[in-house]
Amino acid sequence: MISPKLMKYTFDECHQHLQNIFGDTLPPITFSIAETEDDFPKTRNVAYTLFPADNSYFEIVFAPKYHLYNGSMLEAVVRHELAHVIDEFYSTQSLSKHLGDRLETLYTERRVDRIAEILWNQPIFYDRIYLIQNLTSGHRPRPNHLPH
């Protein structure tokens, strides 16, 4: 079962990985757990990233139902949300050049998955029932019928 302690450990490990890649240019990123399910109406809504107007810091907010998921899902969601920060903070053109991929050809959510896949050198899948990210099996790339 996923606990807040495991969430923090997973976030810290993934964040450290990004710090090793981007160094001091990486903006401050924190995470929190929402107190209510209000912003997470569907089963597949498990996290979102807050983007301040000035990009001075970012916060990843997890749904209170995080404990329902397994470690593979948690790690994939953390990577996906951290990739949103990378996508927002650095230009797509710069990332395309740095990562060696044509990211500008992808819409936002697929681009973010691709960024995470490149940075961690591991594919992100979407399970066949709830369409939540994971690192082991399912649909790949992100199904077209999901929000862009």
N, C-alpha and C. Protein backbone atom coordinates (compact mmCIF):
# COMPACT_ATOMS: atom_id res chain seq x y z
N MET A 1 0.85 -1.19 0.00
CA MET A 1 0.00 0.00 0.00
C MET A 1 0.89 1.24 0.00
N ILE A 2 0.48 2.23 -0.75
CA ILE A 2 1.23 3.48 -0.85
C ILE A 2 0.95 4.34 0.39
N SER A 3 2.01 4.86 0.97
CA SER A 3 1.89 5.72 2.15
C SER A 3 2.48 7.10 1.81
N PRO A 4 2.16 8.11 2.61
CA PRO A 4 2.80 9.42 2.39
C PRO A 4 4.33 9.34 2.42
N LYS A 5 4.87 8.48 3.27
CA LYS A 5 6.33 8.32 3.35
C LYS A 5 6.89 7.78 2.03
N LEU A 6 6.21 6.79 1.44
CA LEU A 6 6.65 6.25 0.16
C LEU A 6 6.49 7.29 -0.95
N MET A 7 5.43 8.07 -0.88
CA MET A 7 5.24 9.14 -1.87
C MET A 7 6.41 10.13 -1.81
N LYS A 8 6.77 10.53 -0.60
CA LYS A 8 7.88 11.48 -0.44
C LYS A 8 9.18 10.88 -0.95
N TYR A 9 9.42 9.62 -0.62
CA TYR A 9 10.63 8.95 -1.08
C TYR A 9 10.67 8.91 -2.61
N THR A 10 9.57 8.53 -3.24
CA THR A 10 9.49 8.44 -4.70
C THR A 10 9.69 9.81 -5.33
N PHE A 11 9.01 10.82 -4.78
CA PHE A 11 9.18 12.19 -5.28
C PHE A 11 10.63 12.62 -5.16
N ASP A 12 11.23 12.42 -3.98
CA ASP A 12 12.62 12.85 -3.75
C ASP A 12 13.59 12.15 -4.70
N GLU A 13 13.40 10.85 -4.92
CA GLU A 13 14.27 10.11 -5.85
C GLU A 13 14.16 10.65 -7.27
N CYS A 14 12.94 10.87 -7.72
CA CYS A 14 12.72 11.39 -9.07
C CYS A 14 13.24 12.82 -9.20
N HIS A 15 13.00 13.62 -8.17
CA HIS A 15 13.48 15.00 -8.17
C HIS A 15 15.01 15.04 -8.21
N GLN A 16 15.65 14.19 -7.44
CA GLN A 16 17.11 14.12 -7.43
C GLN A 16 17.64 13.73 -8.81
N HIS A 17 16.95 12.83 -9.47
CA HIS A 17 17.33 12.43 -10.83
C HIS A 17 17.35 13.66 -11.75
N LEU A 18 16.31 14.49 -11.65
CA LEU A 18 16.25 15.70 -12.47
C LEU A 18 17.35 16.70 -12.08
N GLN A 19 17.63 16.81 -10.80
CA GLN A 19 18.71 17.70 -10.36
C GLN A 19 20.05 17.25 -10.94
N ASN A 20 20.26 15.96 -11.04
CA ASN A 20 21.49 15.44 -11.63
C ASN A 20 21.60 15.81 -13.10
N ILE A 21 20.47 15.93 -13.77
CA ILE A 21 20.45 16.27 -15.20
C ILE A 21 20.51 17.78 -15.42
N PHE A 22 19.65 18.52 -14.71
CA PHE A 22 19.50 19.96 -14.97
C PHE A 22 20.28 20.86 -14.02
N GLY A 23 20.78 20.29 -12.93
CA GLY A 23 21.59 21.07 -11.99
C GLY A 23 20.86 22.24 -11.37
N ASP A 24 21.57 23.34 -11.20
CA ASP A 24 21.03 24.52 -10.52
C ASP A 24 19.94 25.23 -11.30
N THR A 25 19.76 24.87 -12.58
CA THR A 25 18.72 25.55 -13.36
C THR A 25 17.32 25.01 -13.06
N LEU A 26 17.25 23.88 -12.37
CA LEU A 26 15.95 23.29 -12.04
C LEU A 26 15.22 24.18 -11.03
N PRO A 27 13.97 24.55 -11.30
CA PRO A 27 13.23 25.41 -10.36
C PRO A 27 12.83 24.63 -9.11
N PRO A 28 12.48 25.33 -8.03
CA PRO A 28 11.97 24.64 -6.84
C PRO A 28 10.66 23.89 -7.15
N ILE A 29 10.59 22.64 -6.70
CA ILE A 29 9.40 21.81 -6.93
C ILE A 29 9.06 21.13 -5.61
N THR A 30 7.80 21.23 -5.19
CA THR A 30 7.34 20.57 -3.98
C THR A 30 6.15 19.68 -4.33
N PHE A 31 5.74 18.86 -3.36
CA PHE A 31 4.51 18.10 -3.56
C PHE A 31 3.67 18.16 -2.30
N SER A 32 2.38 17.96 -2.50
CA SER A 32 1.45 17.93 -1.38
C SER A 32 0.35 16.92 -1.71
N ILE A 33 -0.44 16.62 -0.68
CA ILE A 33 -1.59 15.74 -0.84
C ILE A 33 -2.83 16.58 -0.55
N ALA A 34 -3.75 16.63 -1.49
CA ALA A 34 -4.98 17.40 -1.31
C ALA A 34 -5.80 16.83 -0.16
N GLU A 35 -6.55 17.70 0.48
CA GLU A 35 -7.38 17.27 1.61
C GLU A 35 -8.71 16.68 1.17
N THR A 36 -9.18 17.07 -0.03
CA THR A 36 -10.46 16.55 -0.52
C THR A 36 -10.30 16.03 -1.94
N GLU A 37 -11.29 15.29 -2.40
CA GLU A 37 -11.30 14.75 -3.76
C GLU A 37 -11.90 15.73 -4.77
N ASP A 38 -12.26 16.95 -4.34
CA ASP A 38 -12.98 17.89 -5.20
C ASP A 38 -12.33 18.12 -6.56
N ASP A 39 -11.01 18.19 -6.61
CA ASP A 39 -10.31 18.45 -7.87
C ASP A 39 -9.96 17.17 -8.63
N PHE A 40 -10.45 16.03 -8.14
CA PHE A 40 -10.11 14.74 -8.74
C PHE A 40 -11.39 13.91 -8.95
N PRO A 41 -12.29 14.36 -9.83
CA PRO A 41 -13.60 13.72 -9.96
C PRO A 41 -13.59 12.31 -10.55
N LYS A 42 -12.64 12.01 -11.43
CA LYS A 42 -12.60 10.70 -12.07
C LYS A 42 -11.55 9.82 -11.41
N THR A 43 -11.74 8.51 -11.51
CA THR A 43 -10.79 7.56 -10.93
C THR A 43 -9.38 7.83 -11.42
N ARG A 44 -9.24 8.17 -12.70
CA ARG A 44 -7.91 8.37 -13.28
C ARG A 44 -7.28 9.71 -12.90
N ASN A 45 -8.04 10.61 -12.27
CA ASN A 45 -7.49 11.90 -11.84
C ASN A 45 -6.75 11.69 -10.52
N VAL A 46 -5.41 11.62 -10.60
CA VAL A 46 -4.63 11.30 -9.41
C VAL A 46 -3.66 12.40 -9.00
N ALA A 47 -3.34 13.34 -9.90
CA ALA A 47 -2.40 14.41 -9.56
C ALA A 47 -2.49 15.52 -10.60
N TYR A 48 -2.03 16.70 -10.20
CA TYR A 48 -1.87 17.81 -11.14
C TYR A 48 -0.72 18.68 -10.65
N THR A 49 -0.23 19.54 -11.53
CA THR A 49 0.87 20.43 -11.19
C THR A 49 0.39 21.86 -11.22
N LEU A 50 0.69 22.61 -10.16
CA LEU A 50 0.38 24.03 -10.11
C LEU A 50 1.53 24.81 -10.74
N PHE A 51 1.18 25.69 -11.68
CA PHE A 51 2.16 26.52 -12.37
C PHE A 51 1.95 27.98 -11.98
N PRO A 52 2.85 28.58 -11.22
CA PRO A 52 2.69 30.00 -10.91
C PRO A 52 2.97 30.84 -12.15
N ALA A 53 2.43 32.05 -12.20
CA ALA A 53 2.58 32.92 -13.36
C ALA A 53 4.05 33.20 -13.70
N ASP A 54 4.90 33.27 -12.69
CA ASP A 54 6.30 33.63 -12.94
C ASP A 54 7.25 32.42 -13.00
N ASN A 55 6.70 31.20 -12.93
CA ASN A 55 7.52 29.97 -12.97
C ASN A 55 8.61 29.94 -11.90
N SER A 56 8.38 30.59 -10.77
CA SER A 56 9.40 30.64 -9.72
C SER A 56 9.45 29.36 -8.88
N TYR A 57 8.37 28.62 -8.85
CA TYR A 57 8.30 27.34 -8.13
C TYR A 57 7.13 26.56 -8.70
N PHE A 58 7.09 25.28 -8.43
CA PHE A 58 6.00 24.43 -8.90
C PHE A 58 5.59 23.51 -7.76
N GLU A 59 4.31 23.13 -7.76
CA GLU A 59 3.83 22.20 -6.75
C GLU A 59 3.02 21.10 -7.42
N ILE A 60 3.36 19.87 -7.10
CA ILE A 60 2.61 18.72 -7.58
C ILE A 60 1.64 18.32 -6.48
N VAL A 61 0.35 18.27 -6.82
CA VAL A 61 -0.70 17.97 -5.85
C VAL A 61 -1.28 16.60 -6.17
N PHE A 62 -1.24 15.71 -5.18
CA PHE A 62 -1.77 14.36 -5.34
C PHE A 62 -3.15 14.25 -4.72
N ALA A 63 -3.97 13.41 -5.32
CA ALA A 63 -5.31 13.13 -4.79
C ALA A 63 -5.20 12.34 -3.50
N PRO A 64 -6.17 12.51 -2.59
CA PRO A 64 -6.16 11.73 -1.35
C PRO A 64 -6.29 10.22 -1.59
N LYS A 65 -6.72 9.83 -2.78
CA LYS A 65 -6.89 8.39 -3.09
C LYS A 65 -5.58 7.73 -3.54
N TYR A 66 -4.46 8.41 -3.37
CA TYR A 66 -3.15 7.89 -3.80
C TYR A 66 -2.88 6.48 -3.25
N HIS A 67 -3.41 6.18 -2.10
CA HIS A 67 -3.15 4.87 -1.47
C HIS A 67 -3.75 3.69 -2.24
N LEU A 68 -4.63 3.98 -3.20
CA LEU A 68 -5.25 2.91 -3.99
C LEU A 68 -4.34 2.38 -5.09
N TYR A 69 -3.25 3.05 -5.35
CA TYR A 69 -2.40 2.70 -6.48
C TYR A 69 -1.16 1.95 -6.05
N ASN A 70 -0.51 1.34 -7.01
CA ASN A 70 0.71 0.59 -6.69
C ASN A 70 1.96 1.44 -6.96
N GLY A 71 3.11 0.90 -6.64
CA GLY A 71 4.36 1.64 -6.78
C GLY A 71 4.67 2.05 -8.21
N SER A 72 4.34 1.18 -9.17
CA SER A 72 4.57 1.48 -10.58
C SER A 72 3.74 2.68 -11.02
N MET A 73 2.49 2.72 -10.58
CA MET A 73 1.62 3.85 -10.91
C MET A 73 2.15 5.13 -10.26
N LEU A 74 2.51 5.05 -8.99
CA LEU A 74 3.01 6.23 -8.28
C LEU A 74 4.24 6.80 -8.98
N GLU A 75 5.18 5.94 -9.31
CA GLU A 75 6.41 6.43 -9.94
C GLU A 75 6.13 7.03 -11.32
N ALA A 76 5.27 6.40 -12.09
CA ALA A 76 4.93 6.93 -13.42
C ALA A 76 4.23 8.28 -13.31
N VAL A 77 3.31 8.42 -12.37
CA VAL A 77 2.59 9.69 -12.18
C VAL A 77 3.56 10.78 -11.73
N VAL A 78 4.45 10.47 -10.79
CA VAL A 78 5.44 11.45 -10.33
C VAL A 78 6.31 11.89 -11.51
N ARG A 79 6.79 10.95 -12.30
CA ARG A 79 7.62 11.30 -13.46
C ARG A 79 6.85 12.16 -14.44
N HIS A 80 5.59 11.79 -14.70
CA HIS A 80 4.75 12.56 -15.63
C HIS A 80 4.57 13.99 -15.13
N GLU A 81 4.25 14.15 -13.86
CA GLU A 81 4.03 15.50 -13.31
C GLU A 81 5.33 16.30 -13.28
N LEU A 82 6.44 15.67 -12.94
CA LEU A 82 7.73 16.38 -12.98
C LEU A 82 8.07 16.79 -14.41
N ALA A 83 7.71 15.97 -15.37
CA ALA A 83 7.95 16.32 -16.77
C ALA A 83 7.10 17.52 -17.18
N HIS A 84 5.92 17.71 -16.56
CA HIS A 84 5.14 18.93 -16.81
C HIS A 84 5.95 20.15 -16.40
N VAL A 85 6.63 20.06 -15.27
CA VAL A 85 7.46 21.18 -14.81
C VAL A 85 8.58 21.45 -15.82
N ILE A 86 9.26 20.41 -16.24
CA ILE A 86 10.34 20.54 -17.21
C ILE A 86 9.82 21.16 -18.50
N ASP A 87 8.66 20.68 -18.96
CA ASP A 87 8.05 21.19 -20.19
C ASP A 87 7.68 22.66 -20.06
N GLU A 88 7.20 23.06 -18.90
CA GLU A 88 6.78 24.44 -18.67
C GLU A 88 7.99 25.37 -18.50
N PHE A 89 8.99 24.90 -17.79
CA PHE A 89 10.12 25.76 -17.41
C PHE A 89 11.13 25.96 -18.55
N TYR A 90 11.37 24.91 -19.32
CA TYR A 90 12.32 24.98 -20.42
C TYR A 90 11.54 25.03 -21.74
N SER A 91 12.04 25.67 -22.74
CA SER A 91 11.32 25.76 -24.01
C SER A 91 11.30 24.40 -24.70
N THR A 92 10.25 24.15 -25.46
CA THR A 92 10.13 22.89 -26.20
C THR A 92 11.30 22.74 -27.17
N GLN A 93 11.67 23.83 -27.83
CA GLN A 93 12.78 23.77 -28.79
C GLN A 93 14.08 23.41 -28.08
N SER A 94 14.31 24.00 -26.92
CA SER A 94 15.52 23.71 -26.15
C SER A 94 15.52 22.25 -25.70
N LEU A 95 14.38 21.78 -25.21
CA LEU A 95 14.28 20.39 -24.78
C LEU A 95 14.48 19.43 -25.96
N SER A 96 13.90 19.76 -27.10
CA SER A 96 14.05 18.91 -28.29
C SER A 96 15.53 18.77 -28.64
N LYS A 97 16.24 19.88 -28.60
CA LYS A 97 17.67 19.86 -28.92
C LYS A 97 18.45 19.09 -27.85
N HIS A 98 18.16 19.38 -26.58
CA HIS A 98 18.88 18.76 -25.46
C HIS A 98 18.61 17.26 -25.38
N LEU A 99 17.36 16.87 -25.61
CA LEU A 99 16.97 15.46 -25.45
C LEU A 99 17.04 14.66 -26.75
N GLY A 100 17.24 15.36 -27.88
CA GLY A 100 17.36 14.66 -29.15
C GLY A 100 16.07 14.06 -29.67
N ASP A 101 14.96 14.77 -29.49
CA ASP A 101 13.67 14.27 -29.93
C ASP A 101 12.86 15.44 -30.48
N ARG A 102 11.95 15.19 -31.40
CA ARG A 102 11.12 16.25 -31.99
C ARG A 102 9.87 16.45 -31.13
N LEU A 103 10.03 17.00 -29.96
CA LEU A 103 8.94 17.15 -29.00
C LEU A 103 7.85 18.10 -29.48
N GLU A 104 8.20 19.07 -30.33
CA GLU A 104 7.23 20.05 -30.80
C GLU A 104 6.14 19.42 -31.66
N THR A 105 6.32 18.18 -32.10
CA THR A 105 5.31 17.51 -32.92
C THR A 105 4.23 16.84 -32.08
N LEU A 106 4.39 16.83 -30.76
CA LEU A 106 3.44 16.16 -29.87
C LEU A 106 2.59 17.17 -29.10
N TYR A 107 1.33 16.83 -28.84
CA TYR A 107 0.51 17.69 -27.99
C TYR A 107 0.96 17.53 -26.54
N THR A 108 0.51 18.41 -25.66
CA THR A 108 1.07 18.56 -24.31
C THR A 108 1.22 17.27 -23.53
N GLU A 109 0.16 16.51 -23.35
CA GLU A 109 0.24 15.33 -22.48
C GLU A 109 1.14 14.24 -23.07
N ARG A 110 1.08 14.03 -24.37
CA ARG A 110 2.00 13.05 -24.98
C ARG A 110 3.43 13.56 -24.93
N ARG A 111 3.62 14.87 -25.11
CA ARG A 111 4.95 15.45 -25.03
C ARG A 111 5.54 15.25 -23.64
N VAL A 112 4.71 15.48 -22.62
CA VAL A 112 5.17 15.31 -21.24
C VAL A 112 5.54 13.85 -20.97
N ASP A 113 4.74 12.92 -21.44
CA ASP A 113 5.09 11.50 -21.29
C ASP A 113 6.42 11.21 -21.98
N ARG A 114 6.59 11.74 -23.19
CA ARG A 114 7.81 11.49 -23.94
C ARG A 114 9.03 12.07 -23.22
N ILE A 115 8.88 13.27 -22.66
CA ILE A 115 9.97 13.89 -21.89
C ILE A 115 10.35 12.98 -20.73
N ALA A 116 9.35 12.49 -19.99
CA ALA A 116 9.61 11.60 -18.86
C ALA A 116 10.28 10.31 -19.33
N GLU A 117 9.81 9.76 -20.44
CA GLU A 117 10.40 8.52 -20.96
C GLU A 117 11.88 8.72 -21.31
N ILE A 118 12.20 9.84 -21.92
CA ILE A 118 13.59 10.11 -22.29
C ILE A 118 14.44 10.34 -21.04
N LEU A 119 13.93 11.14 -20.11
CA LEU A 119 14.72 11.49 -18.92
C LEU A 119 15.01 10.28 -18.03
N TRP A 120 14.06 9.35 -17.95
CA TRP A 120 14.25 8.16 -17.11
C TRP A 120 14.57 6.91 -17.92
N ASN A 121 14.60 7.05 -19.25
CA ASN A 121 14.92 5.93 -20.14
C ASN A 121 14.03 4.71 -19.86
N GLN A 122 12.73 4.99 -19.72
CA GLN A 122 11.76 3.92 -19.45
C GLN A 122 10.40 4.37 -19.96
N PRO A 123 9.67 3.50 -20.67
CA PRO A 123 8.36 3.89 -21.20
C PRO A 123 7.30 4.08 -20.11
N ILE A 124 6.32 4.92 -20.43
CA ILE A 124 5.14 5.11 -19.58
C ILE A 124 3.96 4.48 -20.31
N PHE A 125 3.23 3.64 -19.60
CA PHE A 125 2.05 2.97 -20.14
C PHE A 125 0.80 3.50 -19.43
N TYR A 126 -0.36 3.22 -20.02
CA TYR A 126 -1.65 3.56 -19.42
C TYR A 126 -2.42 2.26 -19.24
N ASP A 127 -2.81 1.95 -18.00
CA ASP A 127 -3.50 0.68 -17.77
C ASP A 127 -4.82 0.65 -18.52
N ARG A 128 -5.31 -0.53 -18.78
CA ARG A 128 -6.47 -0.70 -19.65
C ARG A 128 -7.82 -0.45 -18.96
N ILE A 129 -7.83 -0.38 -17.65
CA ILE A 129 -9.11 -0.18 -16.95
C ILE A 129 -9.32 1.28 -16.59
N TYR A 130 -8.42 1.86 -15.80
CA TYR A 130 -8.59 3.22 -15.31
C TYR A 130 -7.79 4.26 -16.09
N LEU A 131 -6.92 3.79 -16.99
CA LEU A 131 -6.08 4.67 -17.82
C LEU A 131 -5.18 5.56 -16.98
N ILE A 132 -4.61 4.97 -15.94
CA ILE A 132 -3.65 5.66 -15.08
C ILE A 132 -2.25 5.22 -15.51
N GLN A 133 -1.31 6.16 -15.48
CA GLN A 133 0.06 5.83 -15.88
C GLN A 133 0.67 4.75 -15.00
N ASN A 134 1.53 3.94 -15.61
CA ASN A 134 2.32 2.96 -14.87
C ASN A 134 3.57 2.66 -15.68
N LEU A 135 4.49 1.89 -15.12
CA LEU A 135 5.75 1.60 -15.80
C LEU A 135 5.86 0.16 -16.29
N THR A 136 4.75 -0.60 -16.22
CA THR A 136 4.87 -2.02 -16.54
C THR A 136 4.11 -2.50 -17.77
N SER A 137 2.84 -2.11 -17.95
CA SER A 137 2.08 -2.64 -19.09
C SER A 137 0.86 -1.78 -19.37
N GLY A 138 0.31 -1.97 -20.58
CA GLY A 138 -0.89 -1.26 -20.98
C GLY A 138 -0.72 -0.56 -22.31
N HIS A 139 -1.51 0.50 -22.52
CA HIS A 139 -1.46 1.28 -23.76
C HIS A 139 -0.22 2.17 -23.78
N ARG A 140 0.35 2.32 -24.98
CA ARG A 140 1.45 3.25 -25.17
C ARG A 140 1.47 3.63 -26.63
N PRO A 141 1.54 4.89 -26.99
CA PRO A 141 1.58 6.05 -26.11
C PRO A 141 0.21 6.34 -25.52
N ARG A 142 0.10 7.46 -24.82
CA ARG A 142 -1.14 7.90 -24.20
C ARG A 142 -2.29 7.77 -25.20
N PRO A 143 -3.39 7.13 -24.80
CA PRO A 143 -4.52 6.97 -25.72
C PRO A 143 -5.07 8.32 -26.20
N ASN A 144 -5.43 8.37 -27.49
CA ASN A 144 -5.89 9.61 -28.10
C ASN A 144 -7.16 10.18 -27.47
N HIS A 145 -8.01 9.33 -26.92
CA HIS A 145 -9.29 9.81 -26.39
C HIS A 145 -9.15 10.49 -25.03
N LEU A 146 -7.97 10.44 -24.43
CA LEU A 146 -7.75 11.14 -23.16
C LEU A 146 -7.51 12.62 -23.42
N PRO A 147 -7.79 13.47 -22.43
CA PRO A 147 -7.56 14.92 -22.63
C PRO A 147 -6.12 15.20 -23.07
N HIS A 148 -5.99 16.19 -23.92
CA HIS A 148 -4.69 16.57 -24.45
C HIS A 148 -3.98 17.46 -23.47
